[in-house]
Amino acid sequence: MASYFDEHDCEPTNPEEQYRQNALLELARSLMQGLDIDSGSFDLSDWDQRLPPPAAKAVVQSLPVVIISPEQADKGLKCPVCLLEFEEQETVREMPCKHLFHTGCILPWLSKVLCKCIRS
């Protein structure tokens, strides 16, 4: 089984972070592989049909590119997807809701699901 960091082609900031991410990834995989969990009447068979469509490529490509300022880096701002802190002068993407993401974290997600903040 590949680690979170191998799957996303990135490096952890410290060994504790790698352990935490791998543990969360293993938990998610275990849940998705069907541990004996009583989900009641919740039917997962049509899950894909209930997801919103992917974001339009033109919209995704037009997301502003932002360079992390020293002030933002000092605050310890993190990418909501990988939870790694942004580094000063790092280039990231800004969503219409003003949240910042690593490009490699947000673009794959937007290719699958249209975010509420892009719909409006």
Protein backbone atom coordinates (compact mmCIF):
# COMPACT_ATOMS: atom_id res chain seq x y z
CA MET A 1 0.00 0.00 0.00
CA ALA A 2 1.41 3.38 -1.02
CA SER A 3 1.65 6.14 1.56
CA TYR A 4 -0.33 9.37 1.32
CA PHE A 5 2.84 11.18 0.31
CA ASP A 6 3.78 8.65 -2.37
CA GLU A 7 0.27 8.82 -3.83
CA HIS A 8 0.34 12.62 -3.96
CA ASP A 9 4.00 12.95 -4.94
CA CYS A 10 4.89 15.22 -2.02
CA GLU A 11 7.11 15.12 1.04
CA PRO A 12 6.02 15.35 4.70
CA THR A 13 7.26 18.27 6.75
CA ASN A 14 8.23 15.96 9.60
CA PRO A 15 8.06 12.23 10.48
CA GLU A 16 5.13 12.71 12.87
CA GLU A 17 3.10 14.28 10.05
CA GLN A 18 3.87 11.33 7.77
CA TYR A 19 2.74 8.85 10.43
CA ARG A 20 -0.52 10.77 11.01
CA GLN A 21 -1.29 11.06 7.29
CA ASN A 22 -0.57 7.37 6.68
CA ALA A 23 -2.79 6.37 9.62
CA LEU A 24 -5.67 8.49 8.26
CA LEU A 25 -5.19 7.08 4.76
CA GLU A 26 -5.22 3.50 6.10
CA LEU A 27 -8.39 4.21 8.07
CA ALA A 28 -10.12 5.67 5.01
CA ARG A 29 -9.08 2.71 2.86
CA SER A 30 -10.31 0.24 5.47
CA LEU A 31 -13.67 1.96 5.62
CA MET A 32 -14.00 2.05 1.84
CA GLN A 33 -13.02 -1.63 1.50
CA GLY A 34 -16.08 -2.59 3.47
CA LEU A 35 -15.24 -3.42 7.03
CA ASP A 36 -18.25 -4.88 8.76
CA ILE A 37 -19.94 -1.53 9.31
CA ASP A 38 -23.69 -1.23 9.65
CA SER A 39 -24.62 1.63 7.34
CA GLY A 40 -28.33 1.10 7.86
CA SER A 41 -30.40 1.98 4.83
CA PHE A 42 -27.68 4.14 3.28
CA ASP A 43 -27.15 2.89 -0.28
CA LEU A 44 -23.67 3.57 -1.71
CA SER A 45 -24.44 2.10 -5.13
CA ASP A 46 -25.54 5.41 -6.63
CA TRP A 47 -22.98 7.60 -4.82
CA ASP A 48 -21.39 8.85 -8.06
CA GLN A 49 -24.77 9.93 -9.42
CA ARG A 50 -25.38 12.17 -6.39
CA LEU A 51 -22.09 14.04 -6.66
CA PRO A 52 -22.08 17.38 -8.46
CA PRO A 53 -20.42 17.38 -11.89
CA PRO A 54 -16.75 18.32 -12.27
CA ALA A 55 -15.80 21.98 -12.40
CA ALA A 56 -15.46 23.41 -15.90
CA LYS A 57 -11.86 23.34 -17.12
CA ALA A 58 -11.98 27.04 -18.04
CA VAL A 59 -13.09 27.95 -14.53
CA VAL A 60 -10.41 25.78 -12.93
CA GLN A 61 -7.69 27.21 -15.18
CA SER A 62 -8.79 30.74 -14.32
CA LEU A 63 -8.36 30.28 -10.56
CA PRO A 64 -5.98 32.98 -9.34
CA VAL A 65 -2.40 31.97 -8.64
CA VAL A 66 -1.17 33.48 -5.37
CA ILE A 67 2.34 33.68 -3.95
CA ILE A 68 2.47 33.05 -0.21
CA SER A 69 3.62 36.18 1.61
CA PRO A 70 5.99 36.14 4.60
CA GLU A 71 3.02 37.11 6.81
CA GLN A 72 0.92 34.19 5.56
CA ALA A 73 3.83 31.77 6.03
CA ASP A 74 4.46 33.08 9.55
CA LYS A 75 0.81 32.45 10.47
CA GLY A 76 1.30 28.78 9.66
CA LEU A 77 -1.44 28.66 7.02
CA LYS A 78 -2.01 25.10 5.77
CA CYS A 79 -3.43 23.54 2.65
CA PRO A 80 -6.84 22.13 3.67
CA VAL A 81 -6.22 18.98 1.62
CA CYS A 82 -2.73 17.79 2.60
CA LEU A 83 -2.47 19.83 5.82
CA LEU A 84 1.09 20.91 5.03
CA GLU A 85 2.01 24.48 5.92
CA PHE A 86 2.52 26.84 3.02
CA GLU A 87 6.05 28.14 2.61
CA GLU A 88 7.03 31.72 1.90
CA GLN A 89 7.08 32.46 -1.86
CA GLU A 90 5.23 29.21 -2.62
CA THR A 91 2.74 29.42 -5.50
CA VAL A 92 -0.79 28.26 -4.61
CA ARG A 93 -4.33 28.50 -6.04
CA GLU A 94 -7.02 30.71 -4.54
CA MET A 95 -10.64 29.62 -4.67
CA PRO A 96 -13.46 32.20 -4.98
CA CYS A 97 -14.11 31.65 -1.26
CA LYS A 98 -10.50 32.88 -0.68
CA HIS A 99 -9.23 29.53 0.63
CA LEU A 100 -5.73 28.67 -0.57
CA PHE A 101 -4.68 25.24 -1.85
CA HIS A 102 -1.60 23.60 -3.33
CA THR A 103 -2.22 23.28 -7.06
CA GLY A 104 -1.53 19.54 -6.91
CA CYS A 105 -4.10 19.15 -4.15
CA ILE A 106 -7.04 21.18 -5.49
CA LEU A 107 -6.92 20.51 -9.25
CA PRO A 108 -7.46 16.72 -9.04
CA TRP A 109 -10.41 17.28 -6.70
CA LEU A 110 -12.00 19.90 -8.94
CA SER A 111 -11.67 17.54 -11.90
CA LYS A 112 -14.09 15.25 -10.04
CA VAL A 113 -16.41 17.55 -8.10
CA LEU A 114 -17.69 21.07 -8.60
CA CYS A 115 -17.13 23.08 -5.42
CA LYS A 116 -20.02 25.21 -4.11
CA CYS A 117 -17.91 28.38 -4.18
CA ILE A 118 -17.27 27.96 -7.93
CA ARG A 119 -20.94 27.35 -8.79
CA SER A 120 -22.06 30.84 -7.86
